[in-house]
Amino acid sequence: MTRERVAVAVIGGSGLYDLPGVEHPRRVRVRTPFGAPSDDIALGTLAGVRCAFLPRHGRGHRLLPSEVPARANIYALKSLGVERVLGVGAVGSLREEFAPGHFLVPDQVVDRTHLRPSTFFGGGIVAHVALDRPLCPATAAEVAAAARKAGAVTHEGGTYVCMEGPGFSTKAESEFHRSQGFSVVGMTLAPEYKLAREAGMCYASVSLVTDHDVWKDGEEVSAAKVVETLGANVARVKKMLPFLLPRLAGPRDCACGHALRDAVFTAPAARSSAVKRRLALILGS
């Protein structure tokens, strides 16, 4: 049976485990060389656009940030034909002006994780993709515009620092991140953005501010505080998507789809046959 192909996907973070209003929904189970994705992928039509949805932590929120099978998730979406991905995730604010309930569409990332596989390559093929602009500018601009149209106070541009988790920051870590000029701190943007770039996909993130991390005395983050703010944030995301998806359904004119053009260092004759088979989908992007 030929698998249905869709061009746009949403990866839902904490609190976003489904997309209401999707027409003709069905779930597909995708096998990948990197194991099983976080959950079955939901396919359907929203605002006239065929799209895919994957809950990053699994339905019921079963996976720690460090346990999310990011390679399997991105590979599975790639196998469905996805070209553009919106990653949604909760974050703590490192700036007074980014208040709980606000949205941030970052344009830079600092990856401070250390337990997660962050590349499809290795084992016989070496590639170094360009990540100076780690998030697709064209897609990010559309995300910010749609968020504002949905009524969310939206900040455009800023640095997301990704920590390993699952514990929240110490005071020292929070102050250090502030001193570096970072905008928000979260646990899930890395390595999704790197893998999406290797797979030739456009990737942008909308960060849902739930708290002020732990730097602001009297307003320190807690699980209860995050959950309290998440509901309203997720409702705004659901309102945003019908504005956004039609803007992401057309042809691409950015460089994301050509990320591997000059990135593979390994000579063709030296490439492992087994790895070439495993990465055929990625190398063909």
C-alpha atoms as a PDB file:
ATOM      1  CA  MET A   1       0.000   0.000   0.000  1.00  0.00           C
ATOM      2  CA  THR A   2       1.354   3.453  -0.917  1.00  0.00           C
ATOM      3  CA  ARG A   3       1.769   5.630   2.146  1.00  0.00           C
ATOM      4  CA  GLU A   4       0.006   8.986   2.074  1.00  0.00           C
ATOM      5  CA  ARG A   5       2.370  11.943   1.675  1.00  0.00           C
ATOM      6  CA  VAL A   6       1.934  15.241   3.509  1.00  0.00           C
ATOM      7  CA  ALA A   7       4.148  18.329   3.366  1.00  0.00           C
ATOM      8  CA  VAL A   8       3.517  20.008   6.744  1.00  0.00           C
ATOM      9  CA  ALA A   9       3.880  18.613  10.259  1.00  0.00           C
ATOM     10  CA  VAL A  10       3.427  19.804  13.817  1.00  0.00           C
ATOM     11  CA  ILE A  11       5.386  18.290  16.698  1.00  0.00           C
ATOM     12  CA  GLY A  12       3.430  18.976  19.854  1.00  0.00           C
ATOM     13  CA  GLY A  13       5.139  19.583  23.177  1.00  0.00           C
ATOM     14  CA  SER A  14       3.843  19.583  26.737  1.00  0.00           C
ATOM     15  CA  GLY A  15       0.076  20.010  26.760  1.00  0.00           C
ATOM     16  CA  LEU A  16      -0.362  19.603  23.005  1.00  0.00           C
ATOM     17  CA  TYR A  17      -1.207  15.954  22.405  1.00  0.00           C
ATOM     18  CA  ASP A  18      -3.799  16.259  19.628  1.00  0.00           C
ATOM     19  CA  LEU A  19      -5.198  18.706  17.087  1.00  0.00           C
ATOM     20  CA  PRO A  20      -8.952  19.257  17.391  1.00  0.00           C
ATOM     21  CA  GLY A  21     -10.871  20.179  14.286  1.00  0.00           C
ATOM     22  CA  VAL A  22      -8.850  17.932  11.979  1.00  0.00           C
ATOM     23  CA  GLU A  23     -10.981  16.417   9.237  1.00  0.00           C
ATOM     24  CA  HIS A  24     -10.655  12.807   8.063  1.00  0.00           C
ATOM     25  CA  PRO A  25      -8.213  11.885  10.841  1.00  0.00           C
ATOM     26  CA  ARG A  26      -6.323   8.633  10.924  1.00  0.00           C
ATOM     27  CA  ARG A  27      -3.191   7.380  12.645  1.00  0.00           C
ATOM     28  CA  VAL A  28      -0.266   5.656  11.019  1.00  0.00           C
ATOM     29  CA  ARG A  29       2.513   3.671  12.631  1.00  0.00           C
ATOM     30  CA  VAL A  30       5.853   4.321  10.946  1.00  0.00           C
ATOM     31  CA  ARG A  31       8.912   2.124  11.303  1.00  0.00           C
ATOM     32  CA  THR A  32      12.344   3.722  10.972  1.00  0.00           C
ATOM     33  CA  PRO A  33      15.990   2.556  11.071  1.00  0.00           C
ATOM     34  CA  PHE A  34      16.251   4.559  14.300  1.00  0.00           C
ATOM     35  CA  GLY A  35      13.484   2.813  16.184  1.00  0.00           C
ATOM     36  CA  ALA A  36       9.891   3.791  16.812  1.00  0.00           C
ATOM     37  CA  PRO A  37       8.743   7.431  16.898  1.00  0.00           C
ATOM     38  CA  SER A  38       7.273   8.904  20.069  1.00  0.00           C
ATOM     39  CA  ASP A  39       3.802   7.728  19.036  1.00  0.00           C
ATOM     40  CA  ASP A  40       1.650   6.982  16.028  1.00  0.00           C
ATOM     41  CA  ILE A  41       1.485   9.927  13.637  1.00  0.00           C
ATOM     42  CA  ALA A  42      -1.931  11.499  13.130  1.00  0.00           C
ATOM     43  CA  LEU A  43      -2.810  12.509   9.573  1.00  0.00           C
ATOM     44  CA  GLY A  44      -5.717  14.697   8.555  1.00  0.00           C
ATOM     45  CA  THR A  45      -6.869  17.954   7.008  1.00  0.00           C
ATOM     46  CA  LEU A  46      -6.881  21.265   8.860  1.00  0.00           C
ATOM     47  CA  ALA A  47      -7.798  24.523   7.144  1.00  0.00           C
ATOM     48  CA  GLY A  48      -7.774  22.650   3.839  1.00  0.00           C
ATOM     49  CA  VAL A  49      -4.182  21.446   4.300  1.00  0.00           C
ATOM     50  CA  ARG A  50      -3.140  17.809   4.655  1.00  0.00           C
ATOM     51  CA  CYS A  51      -0.887  17.686   7.687  1.00  0.00           C
ATOM     52  CA  ALA A  52       0.787  15.362  10.161  1.00  0.00           C
ATOM     53  CA  PHE A  53       0.840  15.630  13.934  1.00  0.00           C
ATOM     54  CA  LEU A  54       3.203  13.901  16.354  1.00  0.00           C
ATOM     55  CA  PRO A  55       3.109  14.339  20.150  1.00  0.00           C
ATOM     56  CA  ARG A  56       6.779  14.664  21.121  1.00  0.00           C
ATOM     57  CA  HIS A  57       6.375  13.070  24.556  1.00  0.00           C
ATOM     58  CA  GLY A  58       3.807  10.507  23.429  1.00  0.00           C
ATOM     59  CA  ARG A  59       0.115  10.621  24.231  1.00  0.00           C
ATOM     60  CA  GLY A  60      -0.245  10.759  27.977  1.00  0.00           C
ATOM     61  CA  HIS A  61       3.199  12.410  28.247  1.00  0.00           C
ATOM     62  CA  ARG A  62       5.297   9.262  28.759  1.00  0.00           C
ATOM     63  CA  LEU A  63       8.750  10.364  27.592  1.00  0.00           C
ATOM     64  CA  LEU A  64      11.328  12.500  29.363  1.00  0.00           C
ATOM     65  CA  PRO A  65      12.978  15.160  27.181  1.00  0.00           C
ATOM     66  CA  SER A  66      16.111  12.987  27.057  1.00  0.00           C
ATOM     67  CA  GLU A  67      14.035   9.943  26.044  1.00  0.00           C
ATOM     68  CA  VAL A  68      12.335  11.543  23.041  1.00  0.00           C
ATOM     69  CA  PRO A  69      13.432   9.520  19.971  1.00  0.00           C
ATOM     70  CA  ALA A  70      14.152  12.607  17.891  1.00  0.00           C
ATOM     71  CA  ARG A  71      15.899  10.751  15.065  1.00  0.00           C
ATOM     72  CA  ALA A  72      12.974   8.375  14.649  1.00  0.00           C
ATOM     73  CA  ASN A  73      10.509  11.270  14.820  1.00  0.00           C
ATOM     74  CA  ILE A  74      12.193  13.341  12.118  1.00  0.00           C
ATOM     75  CA  TYR A  75      12.914  10.297   9.924  1.00  0.00           C
ATOM     76  CA  ALA A  76       9.276   9.185  10.169  1.00  0.00           C
ATOM     77  CA  LEU A  77       8.011  12.624   9.148  1.00  0.00           C
ATOM     78  CA  LYS A  78      10.516  12.732   6.294  1.00  0.00           C
ATOM     79  CA  SER A  79       9.234   9.353   5.074  1.00  0.00           C
ATOM     80  CA  LEU A  80       5.738  10.861   4.838  1.00  0.00           C
ATOM     81  CA  GLY A  81       7.012  13.617   2.554  1.00  0.00           C
ATOM     82  CA  VAL A  82       7.078  16.372   5.170  1.00  0.00           C
ATOM     83  CA  GLU A  83       9.013  19.457   4.104  1.00  0.00           C
ATOM     84  CA  ARG A  84       8.103  21.934   6.854  1.00  0.00           C
ATOM     85  CA  VAL A  85       7.916  21.269  10.596  1.00  0.00           C
ATOM     86  CA  LEU A  86       6.614  23.426  13.425  1.00  0.00           C
ATOM     87  CA  GLY A  87       7.986  22.418  16.816  1.00  0.00           C
ATOM     88  CA  VAL A  88       5.905  23.544  19.799  1.00  0.00           C
ATOM     89  CA  GLY A  89       7.330  23.579  23.318  1.00  0.00           C
ATOM     90  CA  ALA A  90       7.044  25.128  26.752  1.00  0.00           C
ATOM     91  CA  VAL A  91       9.895  27.355  27.948  1.00  0.00           C
ATOM     92  CA  GLY A  92      10.979  29.480  30.862  1.00  0.00           C
ATOM     93  CA  SER A  93      11.653  33.155  30.228  1.00  0.00           C
ATOM     94  CA  LEU A  94      15.067  34.653  30.910  1.00  0.00           C
ATOM     95  CA  ARG A  95      13.888  38.196  30.225  1.00  0.00           C
ATOM     96  CA  GLU A  96      11.432  40.424  32.050  1.00  0.00           C
ATOM     97  CA  GLU A  97       9.710  41.370  28.795  1.00  0.00           C
ATOM     98  CA  PHE A  98       8.920  37.754  27.907  1.00  0.00           C
ATOM     99  CA  ALA A  99       6.048  37.167  30.319  1.00  0.00           C
ATOM    100  CA  PRO A 100       4.164  33.948  31.039  1.00  0.00           C
ATOM    101  CA  GLY A 101       1.525  33.515  28.355  1.00  0.00           C
ATOM    102  CA  HIS A 102       3.664  35.141  25.665  1.00  0.00           C
ATOM    103  CA  PHE A 103       5.034  33.376  22.576  1.00  0.00           C
ATOM    104  CA  LEU A 104       8.608  33.561  21.321  1.00  0.00           C
ATOM    105  CA  VAL A 105       9.677  32.519  17.825  1.00  0.00           C
ATOM    106  CA  PRO A 106      13.453  32.123  18.273  1.00  0.00           C
ATOM    107  CA  ASP A 107      16.045  32.521  15.558  1.00  0.00           C
ATOM    108  CA  GLN A 108      19.054  31.108  17.417  1.00  0.00           C
ATOM    109  CA  VAL A 109      19.753  28.052  19.573  1.00  0.00           C
ATOM    110  CA  VAL A 110      22.410  27.066  22.106  1.00  0.00           C
ATOM    111  CA  ASP A 111      22.481  23.310  22.695  1.00  0.00           C
ATOM    112  CA  ARG A 112      23.630  22.358  26.199  1.00  0.00           C
ATOM    113  CA  THR A 113      22.305  18.793  26.082  1.00  0.00           C
ATOM    114  CA  HIS A 114      24.706  15.859  26.310  1.00  0.00           C
ATOM    115  CA  LEU A 115      22.681  12.622  26.390  1.00  0.00           C
ATOM    116  CA  ARG A 116      20.940  12.730  23.010  1.00  0.00           C
ATOM    117  CA  PRO A 117      22.019  11.457  19.584  1.00  0.00           C
ATOM    118  CA  SER A 118      22.057  14.610  17.474  1.00  0.00           C
ATOM    119  CA  THR A 119      22.838  13.377  13.953  1.00  0.00           C
ATOM    120  CA  PHE A 120      21.718  10.759  11.476  1.00  0.00           C
ATOM    121  CA  PHE A 121      25.320  10.327  10.356  1.00  0.00           C
ATOM    122  CA  GLY A 122      28.261   8.306  11.640  1.00  0.00           C
ATOM    123  CA  GLY A 123      29.214   4.671  11.304  1.00  0.00           C
ATOM    124  CA  GLY A 124      30.658   5.125   7.845  1.00  0.00           C
ATOM    125  CA  ILE A 125      29.366   8.453   6.506  1.00  0.00           C
ATOM    126  CA  VAL A 126      30.384  11.873   7.829  1.00  0.00           C
ATOM    127  CA  ALA A 127      28.379  15.061   7.209  1.00  0.00           C
ATOM    128  CA  HIS A 128      28.622  18.569   8.634  1.00  0.00           C
ATOM    129  CA  VAL A 129      25.531  20.671   7.919  1.00  0.00           C
ATOM    130  CA  ALA A 130      25.539  24.457   8.212  1.00  0.00           C
ATOM    131  CA  LEU A 131      23.699  25.685  11.312  1.00  0.00           C
ATOM    132  CA  ASP A 132      24.584  29.372  11.419  1.00  0.00           C
ATOM    133  CA  ARG A 133      20.865  30.034  10.945  1.00  0.00           C
ATOM    134  CA  PRO A 134      19.536  26.971  12.769  1.00  0.00           C
ATOM    135  CA  LEU A 135      15.844  27.713  12.280  1.00  0.00           C
ATOM    136  CA  CYS A 136      14.263  28.402   8.903  1.00  0.00           C
ATOM    137  CA  PRO A 137      13.792  32.195   8.661  1.00  0.00           C
ATOM    138  CA  ALA A 138      10.978  31.988   6.121  1.00  0.00           C
ATOM    139  CA  THR A 139       8.988  29.486   8.168  1.00  0.00           C
ATOM    140  CA  ALA A 140       9.655  31.381  11.407  1.00  0.00           C
ATOM    141  CA  ALA A 141       8.286  34.599   9.901  1.00  0.00           C
ATOM    142  CA  GLU A 142       5.060  32.817   8.954  1.00  0.00           C
ATOM    143  CA  VAL A 143       4.785  31.316  12.450  1.00  0.00           C
ATOM    144  CA  ALA A 144       5.176  34.715  14.120  1.00  0.00           C
ATOM    145  CA  ALA A 145       2.586  36.311  11.827  1.00  0.00           C
ATOM    146  CA  ALA A 146       0.070  33.523  12.460  1.00  0.00           C
ATOM    147  CA  ALA A 147       0.623  33.679  16.221  1.00  0.00           C
ATOM    148  CA  ARG A 148      -0.116  37.390  16.250  1.00  0.00           C
ATOM    149  CA  LYS A 149      -3.191  36.854  14.111  1.00  0.00           C
ATOM    150  CA  ALA A 150      -4.398  34.354  16.721  1.00  0.00           C
ATOM    151  CA  GLY A 151      -4.073  37.027  19.405  1.00  0.00           C
ATOM    152  CA  ALA A 152      -0.892  35.844  21.104  1.00  0.00           C
ATOM    153  CA  VAL A 153       1.633  38.403  22.336  1.00  0.00           C
ATOM    154  CA  THR A 154       4.494  37.264  20.126  1.00  0.00           C
ATOM    155  CA  HIS A 155       8.190  38.110  20.194  1.00  0.00           C
ATOM    156  CA  GLU A 156      10.209  37.472  17.056  1.00  0.00           C
ATOM    157  CA  GLY A 157      13.886  36.528  17.327  1.00  0.00           C
ATOM    158  CA  GLY A 158      15.946  35.504  20.338  1.00  0.00           C
ATOM    159  CA  THR A 159      18.068  32.636  21.607  1.00  0.00           C
ATOM    160  CA  TYR A 160      16.644  29.398  22.992  1.00  0.00           C
ATOM    161  CA  VAL A 161      19.094  27.581  25.266  1.00  0.00           C
ATOM    162  CA  CYS A 162      18.292  23.882  25.477  1.00  0.00           C
ATOM    163  CA  MET A 163      19.174  22.126  28.735  1.00  0.00           C
ATOM    164  CA  GLU A 164      19.088  18.395  29.365  1.00  0.00           C
ATOM    165  CA  GLY A 165      16.499  18.304  32.134  1.00  0.00           C
ATOM    166  CA  PRO A 166      14.302  16.836  33.440  1.00  0.00           C
ATOM    167  CA  GLY A 167      14.967  18.956  36.524  1.00  0.00           C
ATOM    168  CA  PHE A 168      14.506  22.698  36.240  1.00  0.00           C
ATOM    169  CA  SER A 169      17.437  25.138  36.413  1.00  0.00           C
ATOM    170  CA  THR A 170      19.449  25.978  39.483  1.00  0.00           C
ATOM    171  CA  LYS A 171      19.651  29.669  40.400  1.00  0.00           C
ATOM    172  CA  ALA A 172      23.263  29.712  39.222  1.00  0.00           C
ATOM    173  CA  GLU A 173      22.353  28.178  35.854  1.00  0.00           C
ATOM    174  CA  SER A 174      19.493  30.600  35.357  1.00  0.00           C
ATOM    175  CA  GLU A 175      21.665  33.610  36.149  1.00  0.00           C
ATOM    176  CA  PHE A 176      24.413  32.272  33.876  1.00  0.00           C
ATOM    177  CA  HIS A 177      21.976  31.882  30.997  1.00  0.00           C
ATOM    178  CA  ARG A 178      20.740  35.437  31.572  1.00  0.00           C
ATOM    179  CA  SER A 179      24.297  36.760  31.647  1.00  0.00           C
ATOM    180  CA  GLN A 180      24.893  35.197  28.211  1.00  0.00           C
ATOM    181  CA  GLY A 181      21.988  37.115  26.736  1.00  0.00           C
ATOM    182  CA  PHE A 182      19.801  34.063  26.123  1.00  0.00           C
ATOM    183  CA  SER A 183      16.056  34.645  25.806  1.00  0.00           C
ATOM    184  CA  VAL A 184      14.350  31.456  26.966  1.00  0.00           C
ATOM    185  CA  VAL A 185      15.332  28.067  28.370  1.00  0.00           C
ATOM    186  CA  GLY A 186      13.702  24.777  27.431  1.00  0.00           C
ATOM    187  CA  MET A 187      14.404  21.067  27.150  1.00  0.00           C
ATOM    188  CA  THR A 188      13.220  19.911  23.729  1.00  0.00           C
ATOM    189  CA  LEU A 189      14.362  22.061  20.798  1.00  0.00           C
ATOM    190  CA  ALA A 190      17.639  20.137  20.511  1.00  0.00           C
ATOM    191  CA  PRO A 191      18.330  17.984  18.594  1.00  0.00           C
ATOM    192  CA  GLU A 192      15.128  18.353  16.522  1.00  0.00           C
ATOM    193  CA  TYR A 193      16.342  21.405  14.649  1.00  0.00           C
ATOM    194  CA  LYS A 194      19.676  19.760  13.756  1.00  0.00           C
ATOM    195  CA  LEU A 195      18.051  16.564  12.509  1.00  0.00           C
ATOM    196  CA  ALA A 196      15.481  18.487  10.486  1.00  0.00           C
ATOM    197  CA  ARG A 197      18.288  20.395   8.778  1.00  0.00           C
ATOM    198  CA  GLU A 198      20.124  17.152   7.952  1.00  0.00           C
ATOM    199  CA  ALA A 199      16.869  15.815   6.515  1.00  0.00           C
ATOM    200  CA  GLY A 200      16.444  18.876   4.290  1.00  0.00           C
ATOM    201  CA  MET A 201      13.349  20.067   6.139  1.00  0.00           C
ATOM    202  CA  CYS A 202      12.351  23.585   7.123  1.00  0.00           C
ATOM    203  CA  TYR A 203      12.026  23.768  10.904  1.00  0.00           C
ATOM    204  CA  ALA A 204      10.738  26.594  13.082  1.00  0.00           C
ATOM    205  CA  SER A 205       9.767  26.704  16.734  1.00  0.00           C
ATOM    206  CA  VAL A 206       7.112  28.491  18.732  1.00  0.00           C
ATOM    207  CA  SER A 207       8.137  28.667  22.378  1.00  0.00           C
ATOM    208  CA  LEU A 208       5.286  28.988  24.867  1.00  0.00           C
ATOM    209  CA  VAL A 209       6.436  30.983  27.889  1.00  0.00           C
ATOM    210  CA  THR A 210       5.055  29.441  31.079  1.00  0.00           C
ATOM    211  CA  ASP A 211       7.266  30.999  33.781  1.00  0.00           C
ATOM    212  CA  HIS A 212      10.355  33.101  34.568  1.00  0.00           C
ATOM    213  CA  ASP A 213      12.611  30.079  35.173  1.00  0.00           C
ATOM    214  CA  VAL A 214      14.144  30.565  38.663  1.00  0.00           C
ATOM    215  CA  TRP A 215      15.994  33.868  38.354  1.00  0.00           C
ATOM    216  CA  LYS A 216      13.072  36.040  39.435  1.00  0.00           C
ATOM    217  CA  ASP A 217      12.598  35.939  43.199  1.00  0.00           C
ATOM    218  CA  GLY A 218       9.085  34.993  44.225  1.00  0.00           C
ATOM    219  CA  GLU A 219       8.182  33.644  40.779  1.00  0.00           C
ATOM    220  CA  GLU A 220      10.346  30.518  40.601  1.00  0.00           C
ATOM    221  CA  VAL A 221       9.220  27.806  38.216  1.00  0.00           C
ATOM    222  CA  SER A 222       7.336  24.731  39.405  1.00  0.00           C
ATOM    223  CA  ALA A 223       5.469  21.951  37.638  1.00  0.00           C
ATOM    224  CA  ALA A 224       2.183  23.352  38.969  1.00  0.00           C
ATOM    225  CA  LYS A 225       2.968  26.810  37.587  1.00  0.00           C
ATOM    226  CA  VAL A 226       3.852  25.389  34.177  1.00  0.00           C
ATOM    227  CA  VAL A 227       0.607  23.409  33.963  1.00  0.00           C
ATOM    228  CA  GLU A 228      -1.407  26.444  35.055  1.00  0.00           C
ATOM    229  CA  THR A 229      -0.117  28.570  32.158  1.00  0.00           C
ATOM    230  CA  LEU A 230       0.065  25.805  29.551  1.00  0.00           C
ATOM    231  CA  GLY A 231      -3.670  25.509  29.006  1.00  0.00           C
ATOM    232  CA  ALA A 232      -4.087  29.065  27.732  1.00  0.00           C
ATOM    233  CA  ASN A 233      -0.893  28.825  25.645  1.00  0.00           C
ATOM    234  CA  VAL A 234      -1.949  25.588  23.977  1.00  0.00           C
ATOM    235  CA  ALA A 235      -5.393  27.025  23.211  1.00  0.00           C
ATOM    236  CA  ARG A 236      -3.668  29.888  21.364  1.00  0.00           C
ATOM    237  CA  VAL A 237      -1.534  27.424  19.393  1.00  0.00           C
ATOM    238  CA  LYS A 238      -4.650  25.554  18.292  1.00  0.00           C
ATOM    239  CA  LYS A 239      -6.191  28.860  17.228  1.00  0.00           C
ATOM    240  CA  MET A 240      -2.986  29.779  15.365  1.00  0.00           C
ATOM    241  CA  LEU A 241      -2.667  26.655  13.232  1.00  0.00           C
ATOM    242  CA  PRO A 242      -5.587  27.310  10.843  1.00  0.00           C
ATOM    243  CA  PHE A 243      -3.910  30.629   9.975  1.00  0.00           C
ATOM    244  CA  LEU A 244      -0.469  29.071   9.653  1.00  0.00           C
ATOM    245  CA  LEU A 245      -0.870  25.812   7.747  1.00  0.00           C
ATOM    246  CA  PRO A 246      -2.149  27.305   4.458  1.00  0.00           C
ATOM    247  CA  ARG A 247       0.922  29.598   4.478  1.00  0.00           C
ATOM    248  CA  LEU A 248       3.239  26.599   4.730  1.00  0.00           C
ATOM    249  CA  ALA A 249       1.644  24.443   2.072  1.00  0.00           C
ATOM    250  CA  GLY A 250       3.207  26.047  -1.001  1.00  0.00           C
ATOM    251  CA  PRO A 251       6.602  25.638  -2.687  1.00  0.00           C
ATOM    252  CA  ARG A 252       9.754  26.433  -0.727  1.00  0.00           C
ATOM    253  CA  ASP A 253      12.311  29.029  -1.800  1.00  0.00           C
ATOM    254  CA  CYS A 254      14.749  28.761   1.128  1.00  0.00           C
ATOM    255  CA  ALA A 255      18.019  26.824   1.334  1.00  0.00           C
ATOM    256  CA  CYS A 256      16.855  24.224   3.884  1.00  0.00           C
ATOM    257  CA  GLY A 257      16.064  21.609   1.260  1.00  0.00           C
ATOM    258  CA  HIS A 258      19.647  21.687  -0.021  1.00  0.00           C
ATOM    259  CA  ALA A 259      21.420  21.412   3.343  1.00  0.00           C
ATOM    260  CA  LEU A 260      23.323  18.252   2.371  1.00  0.00           C
ATOM    261  CA  ARG A 261      24.481  19.522  -1.010  1.00  0.00           C
ATOM    262  CA  ASP A 262      28.056  20.210   0.186  1.00  0.00           C
ATOM    263  CA  ALA A 263      27.832  18.736   3.680  1.00  0.00           C
ATOM    264  CA  VAL A 264      28.829  15.084   3.139  1.00  0.00           C
ATOM    265  CA  PHE A 265      32.613  14.760   3.533  1.00  0.00           C
ATOM    266  CA  THR A 266      32.969  11.019   2.981  1.00  0.00           C
ATOM    267  CA  ALA A 267      34.059  10.031  -0.511  1.00  0.00           C
ATOM    268  CA  PRO A 268      31.384   7.990  -2.327  1.00  0.00           C
ATOM    269  CA  ALA A 269      33.673   4.951  -2.653  1.00  0.00           C
ATOM    270  CA  ALA A 270      34.424   5.012   1.075  1.00  0.00           C
ATOM    271  CA  ARG A 271      30.822   5.125   2.250  1.00  0.00           C
ATOM    272  CA  SER A 272      29.566   2.109   4.159  1.00  0.00           C
ATOM    273  CA  SER A 273      26.973   0.183   2.155  1.00  0.00           C
ATOM    274  CA  ALA A 274      24.918  -0.546   5.258  1.00  0.00           C
ATOM    275  CA  VAL A 275      24.826   3.102   6.271  1.00  0.00           C
ATOM    276  CA  LYS A 276      24.007   4.185   2.728  1.00  0.00           C
ATOM    277  CA  ARG A 277      20.977   1.897   2.818  1.00  0.00           C
ATOM    278  CA  ARG A 278      19.947   3.191   6.246  1.00  0.00           C
ATOM    279  CA  LEU A 279      20.313   6.824   5.175  1.00  0.00           C
ATOM    280  CA  ALA A 280      18.968   6.546   1.619  1.00  0.00           C
ATOM    281  CA  LEU A 281      15.944   8.652   2.522  1.00  0.00           C
ATOM    282  CA  ILE A 282      18.124  11.360   4.100  1.00  0.00           C
ATOM    283  CA  LEU A 283      20.850  11.339   1.445  1.00  0.00           C
ATOM    284  CA  GLY A 284      18.244  11.640  -1.271  1.00  0.00           C
ATOM    285  CA  SER A 285      16.853  14.869   0.192  1.00  0.00           C
END
